[in-house]
Amino acid sequence: MPNYDYECLECGKRFEVFQSMNDAKLTDCPQPDCAGKVRRLLGTGGGIIFKGSGFYQTDYRSSSYESGAKADKPSEKSEPKPESKKSDAPAPAKPAAD
């Protein structure tokens, strides 16, 4: 359930109400000595929070995390790439396209 911001048109009081989207908008100021009407303010809404791994590599990474990840990564020099064996025979010729 979201929080909605309201403002009284008489006294200027701003307040926040936690209510369901299906609930009716408030119309009266909650201040005891004010009988003014209120209006719902347009807010920025709730931010989206992504939890877990797998979003962006650069999201919320501290420098200590990055240095630890580099230390865990194997070096490219320590594991040589296997060489492919090439035959001494020439490759077959391809027919020319007409």
N, C-alpha and C. Protein backbone atom coordinates (compact mmCIF):
# COMPACT_ATOMS: atom_id res chain seq x y z
N MET A 1 0.85 -1.18 0.00
CA MET A 1 0.00 0.00 0.00
C MET A 1 0.89 1.23 0.00
N PRO A 2 0.57 2.20 -0.82
CA PRO A 2 1.42 3.39 -0.94
C PRO A 2 1.09 4.47 0.09
N ASN A 3 2.02 5.38 0.24
CA ASN A 3 1.81 6.58 1.05
C ASN A 3 1.37 7.69 0.12
N TYR A 4 0.37 8.44 0.55
CA TYR A 4 -0.10 9.58 -0.24
C TYR A 4 0.13 10.86 0.54
N ASP A 5 0.58 11.89 -0.15
CA ASP A 5 0.79 13.20 0.46
C ASP A 5 -0.43 14.07 0.21
N TYR A 6 -0.86 14.76 1.24
CA TYR A 6 -1.99 15.68 1.15
C TYR A 6 -1.59 17.04 1.68
N GLU A 7 -2.31 18.06 1.24
CA GLU A 7 -2.09 19.42 1.74
C GLU A 7 -3.43 20.08 1.96
N CYS A 8 -3.57 20.73 3.11
CA CYS A 8 -4.80 21.45 3.42
C CYS A 8 -4.81 22.78 2.67
N LEU A 9 -5.93 23.12 2.06
CA LEU A 9 -6.04 24.37 1.31
C LEU A 9 -6.27 25.57 2.24
N GLU A 10 -6.69 25.32 3.49
CA GLU A 10 -6.95 26.40 4.45
C GLU A 10 -5.70 26.74 5.28
N CYS A 11 -5.20 25.74 6.01
CA CYS A 11 -4.08 26.01 6.93
C CYS A 11 -2.71 25.69 6.34
N GLY A 12 -2.65 25.02 5.20
CA GLY A 12 -1.38 24.72 4.56
C GLY A 12 -0.66 23.51 5.14
N LYS A 13 -1.30 22.81 6.06
CA LYS A 13 -0.69 21.63 6.69
C LYS A 13 -0.47 20.54 5.65
N ARG A 14 0.74 19.99 5.61
CA ARG A 14 1.05 18.86 4.73
C ARG A 14 1.17 17.62 5.60
N PHE A 15 0.61 16.51 5.12
CA PHE A 15 0.68 15.27 5.87
C PHE A 15 0.67 14.10 4.90
N GLU A 16 1.06 12.96 5.43
CA GLU A 16 1.17 11.75 4.62
C GLU A 16 0.26 10.68 5.21
N VAL A 17 -0.43 9.97 4.34
CA VAL A 17 -1.36 8.92 4.79
C VAL A 17 -1.02 7.62 4.07
N PHE A 18 -0.95 6.55 4.84
CA PHE A 18 -0.70 5.22 4.30
C PHE A 18 -2.06 4.58 4.05
N GLN A 19 -2.42 4.46 2.78
CA GLN A 19 -3.73 3.92 2.46
C GLN A 19 -3.70 3.11 1.17
N SER A 20 -4.71 2.28 1.01
CA SER A 20 -4.80 1.43 -0.16
C SER A 20 -5.12 2.27 -1.39
N MET A 21 -4.78 1.73 -2.57
CA MET A 21 -5.11 2.43 -3.81
C MET A 21 -6.62 2.46 -4.03
N ASN A 22 -7.33 1.52 -3.44
CA ASN A 22 -8.78 1.45 -3.61
C ASN A 22 -9.54 2.37 -2.66
N ASP A 23 -8.86 2.89 -1.64
CA ASP A 23 -9.52 3.80 -0.69
C ASP A 23 -9.83 5.14 -1.35
N ALA A 24 -10.90 5.76 -0.88
CA ALA A 24 -11.28 7.08 -1.39
C ALA A 24 -10.28 8.13 -0.92
N LYS A 25 -10.12 9.19 -1.71
CA LYS A 25 -9.23 10.29 -1.34
C LYS A 25 -9.78 10.97 -0.10
N LEU A 26 -8.87 11.48 0.73
CA LEU A 26 -9.31 12.26 1.90
C LEU A 26 -9.83 13.60 1.42
N THR A 27 -10.80 14.15 2.16
CA THR A 27 -11.38 15.43 1.77
C THR A 27 -11.24 16.50 2.84
N ASP A 28 -11.13 16.08 4.11
CA ASP A 28 -11.09 17.05 5.22
C ASP A 28 -9.75 17.01 5.93
N CYS A 29 -9.34 18.19 6.39
CA CYS A 29 -8.08 18.33 7.11
C CYS A 29 -8.16 17.61 8.46
N PRO A 30 -7.10 16.88 8.85
CA PRO A 30 -7.14 16.17 10.14
C PRO A 30 -6.83 17.06 11.35
N GLN A 31 -6.44 18.32 11.14
CA GLN A 31 -6.16 19.22 12.26
C GLN A 31 -7.45 19.48 13.03
N PRO A 32 -7.42 19.45 14.36
CA PRO A 32 -8.65 19.62 15.14
C PRO A 32 -9.32 20.99 14.97
N ASP A 33 -8.56 22.07 14.82
CA ASP A 33 -9.18 23.40 14.71
C ASP A 33 -9.28 23.87 13.26
N CYS A 34 -9.18 22.97 12.29
CA CYS A 34 -9.28 23.35 10.89
C CYS A 34 -10.31 22.47 10.20
N ALA A 35 -11.19 23.07 9.47
CA ALA A 35 -12.21 22.31 8.73
C ALA A 35 -12.00 22.47 7.22
N GLY A 36 -10.77 22.74 6.83
CA GLY A 36 -10.48 22.98 5.42
C GLY A 36 -10.48 21.71 4.60
N LYS A 37 -10.56 21.91 3.32
CA LYS A 37 -10.50 20.80 2.38
C LYS A 37 -9.04 20.50 2.06
N VAL A 38 -8.75 19.26 1.71
CA VAL A 38 -7.39 18.86 1.37
C VAL A 38 -7.33 18.39 -0.07
N ARG A 39 -6.14 18.46 -0.63
CA ARG A 39 -5.93 17.93 -1.97
C ARG A 39 -4.75 16.97 -1.93
N ARG A 40 -4.82 15.95 -2.78
CA ARG A 40 -3.74 14.97 -2.86
C ARG A 40 -2.65 15.56 -3.74
N LEU A 41 -1.43 15.51 -3.26
CA LEU A 41 -0.29 16.03 -4.00
C LEU A 41 0.29 14.94 -4.89
N LEU A 42 0.80 15.36 -6.01
CA LEU A 42 1.48 14.42 -6.89
C LEU A 42 2.89 14.22 -6.35
N GLY A 43 3.23 12.99 -6.09
CA GLY A 43 4.55 12.70 -5.54
C GLY A 43 5.40 11.98 -6.55
N THR A 44 6.60 11.75 -6.14
CA THR A 44 7.52 11.02 -7.01
C THR A 44 7.24 9.53 -6.95
N GLY A 45 6.48 9.10 -5.98
CA GLY A 45 6.17 7.68 -5.86
C GLY A 45 7.34 6.94 -5.24
N GLY A 46 7.16 5.66 -5.11
CA GLY A 46 8.20 4.84 -4.52
C GLY A 46 9.24 4.50 -5.56
N GLY A 47 10.45 4.44 -5.14
CA GLY A 47 11.53 4.05 -6.05
C GLY A 47 11.54 2.54 -6.24
N ILE A 48 12.01 2.10 -7.35
CA ILE A 48 12.12 0.67 -7.61
C ILE A 48 13.42 0.18 -7.01
N ILE A 49 13.32 -0.88 -6.26
CA ILE A 49 14.51 -1.46 -5.64
C ILE A 49 14.71 -2.85 -6.21
N PHE A 50 15.83 -3.06 -6.88
CA PHE A 50 16.17 -4.37 -7.41
C PHE A 50 17.01 -5.08 -6.37
N LYS A 51 16.57 -6.27 -5.97
CA LYS A 51 17.34 -7.04 -5.00
C LYS A 51 17.89 -8.27 -5.69
N GLY A 52 19.06 -8.68 -5.29
CA GLY A 52 19.67 -9.87 -5.87
C GLY A 52 20.74 -9.51 -6.87
N SER A 53 21.29 -10.54 -7.45
CA SER A 53 22.37 -10.31 -8.40
C SER A 53 21.84 -10.40 -9.81
N GLY A 54 22.61 -9.90 -10.75
CA GLY A 54 22.26 -10.07 -12.14
C GLY A 54 21.65 -8.87 -12.81
N PHE A 55 21.80 -7.69 -12.28
CA PHE A 55 21.24 -6.53 -12.94
C PHE A 55 22.32 -5.84 -13.76
N TYR A 56 23.08 -4.98 -13.18
CA TYR A 56 24.18 -4.33 -13.88
C TYR A 56 25.46 -4.57 -13.10
N GLN A 57 26.53 -4.76 -13.80
CA GLN A 57 27.80 -5.06 -13.15
C GLN A 57 28.27 -3.89 -12.29
N THR A 58 27.92 -2.68 -12.66
CA THR A 58 28.42 -1.51 -11.94
C THR A 58 27.48 -1.03 -10.85
N ASP A 59 26.37 -1.69 -10.64
CA ASP A 59 25.42 -1.23 -9.62
C ASP A 59 25.97 -1.42 -8.22
N TYR A 60 26.03 -0.36 -7.48
CA TYR A 60 26.32 -0.37 -6.06
C TYR A 60 27.57 -1.16 -5.70
N ARG A 61 28.60 -1.06 -6.49
CA ARG A 61 29.83 -1.78 -6.21
C ARG A 61 30.79 -0.87 -5.47
N SER A 62 31.23 -1.33 -4.33
CA SER A 62 32.22 -0.55 -3.59
C SER A 62 33.61 -0.88 -4.12
N SER A 63 34.56 -0.04 -3.82
CA SER A 63 35.92 -0.27 -4.31
C SER A 63 36.51 -1.52 -3.68
N SER A 64 36.14 -1.84 -2.44
CA SER A 64 36.68 -3.06 -1.81
C SER A 64 36.12 -4.31 -2.49
N TYR A 65 34.88 -4.26 -2.92
CA TYR A 65 34.31 -5.40 -3.64
C TYR A 65 35.02 -5.60 -4.98
N GLU A 66 35.24 -4.51 -5.70
CA GLU A 66 35.90 -4.61 -6.99
C GLU A 66 37.33 -5.13 -6.87
N SER A 67 38.07 -4.70 -5.85
CA SER A 67 39.44 -5.18 -5.68
C SER A 67 39.44 -6.66 -5.30
N GLY A 68 38.46 -7.11 -4.52
CA GLY A 68 38.35 -8.52 -4.18
C GLY A 68 37.99 -9.36 -5.39
N ALA A 69 37.13 -8.85 -6.26
CA ALA A 69 36.74 -9.57 -7.47
C ALA A 69 37.93 -9.71 -8.42
N LYS A 70 38.76 -8.68 -8.51
CA LYS A 70 39.94 -8.76 -9.37
C LYS A 70 40.94 -9.77 -8.83
N ALA A 71 41.05 -9.88 -7.50
CA ALA A 71 41.98 -10.83 -6.90
C ALA A 71 41.50 -12.27 -7.13
N ASP A 72 40.21 -12.49 -7.16
CA ASP A 72 39.65 -13.83 -7.38
C ASP A 72 39.72 -14.25 -8.84
N LYS A 73 39.80 -13.30 -9.75
CA LYS A 73 39.80 -13.59 -11.19
C LYS A 73 41.14 -14.20 -11.58
N PRO A 74 41.14 -15.35 -12.30
CA PRO A 74 42.42 -15.94 -12.71
C PRO A 74 43.09 -15.08 -13.78
N SER A 75 44.39 -15.07 -13.72
CA SER A 75 45.17 -14.29 -14.68
C SER A 75 45.17 -14.98 -16.04
N GLU A 76 45.14 -14.21 -17.12
CA GLU A 76 45.15 -14.76 -18.46
C GLU A 76 46.51 -15.37 -18.80
N LYS A 77 47.57 -14.86 -18.19
CA LYS A 77 48.92 -15.34 -18.48
C LYS A 77 49.16 -16.73 -17.88
N SER A 78 48.46 -17.07 -16.79
CA SER A 78 48.71 -18.33 -16.13
C SER A 78 48.11 -19.52 -16.88
N GLU A 79 47.12 -19.30 -17.71
CA GLU A 79 46.49 -20.38 -18.45
C GLU A 79 46.67 -20.15 -19.95
N PRO A 80 47.66 -20.80 -20.56
CA PRO A 80 47.87 -20.59 -22.00
C PRO A 80 46.72 -21.21 -22.79
N LYS A 81 46.40 -20.58 -23.89
CA LYS A 81 45.35 -21.09 -24.77
C LYS A 81 45.89 -22.26 -25.57
N PRO A 82 45.09 -23.33 -25.72
CA PRO A 82 45.57 -24.45 -26.53
C PRO A 82 45.65 -24.05 -28.00
N GLU A 83 46.73 -24.49 -28.65
CA GLU A 83 46.90 -24.15 -30.06
C GLU A 83 46.16 -25.18 -30.91
N SER A 84 45.51 -24.72 -31.95
CA SER A 84 44.81 -25.64 -32.83
C SER A 84 45.82 -26.24 -33.80
N LYS A 85 45.63 -27.54 -34.11
CA LYS A 85 46.55 -28.21 -35.02
C LYS A 85 46.11 -27.94 -36.44
N LYS A 86 47.04 -27.51 -37.26
CA LYS A 86 46.75 -27.25 -38.66
C LYS A 86 47.41 -28.32 -39.51
N SER A 87 46.69 -28.78 -40.49
CA SER A 87 47.28 -29.78 -41.37
C SER A 87 48.17 -29.08 -42.40
N ASP A 88 49.13 -29.83 -42.94
CA ASP A 88 50.04 -29.27 -43.92
C ASP A 88 49.41 -29.18 -45.30
N ALA A 89 48.29 -29.88 -45.50
CA ALA A 89 47.63 -29.87 -46.81
C ALA A 89 46.91 -28.54 -47.01
N PRO A 90 46.92 -28.00 -48.24
CA PRO A 90 46.23 -26.74 -48.50
C PRO A 90 44.71 -26.94 -48.43
N ALA A 91 44.01 -25.89 -48.16
CA ALA A 91 42.56 -25.95 -48.08
C ALA A 91 42.00 -26.13 -49.48
N PRO A 92 40.88 -26.89 -49.63
CA PRO A 92 40.29 -27.08 -50.95
C PRO A 92 39.79 -25.77 -51.52
N ALA A 93 39.93 -25.62 -52.83
CA ALA A 93 39.51 -24.38 -53.49
C ALA A 93 37.98 -24.33 -53.58
N LYS A 94 37.42 -23.14 -53.40
CA LYS A 94 35.98 -22.96 -53.52
C LYS A 94 35.65 -22.59 -54.96
N PRO A 95 34.55 -23.12 -55.49
CA PRO A 95 34.18 -22.75 -56.86
C PRO A 95 33.77 -21.27 -56.91
N ALA A 96 34.06 -20.64 -58.01
CA ALA A 96 33.74 -19.23 -58.21
C ALA A 96 32.25 -19.09 -58.43
N ALA A 97 31.65 -18.04 -57.86
CA ALA A 97 30.23 -17.77 -58.03
C ALA A 97 30.00 -17.06 -59.36
N ASP A 98 28.94 -17.46 -60.08
CA ASP A 98 28.64 -16.84 -61.38
C ASP A 98 27.79 -15.64 -61.24
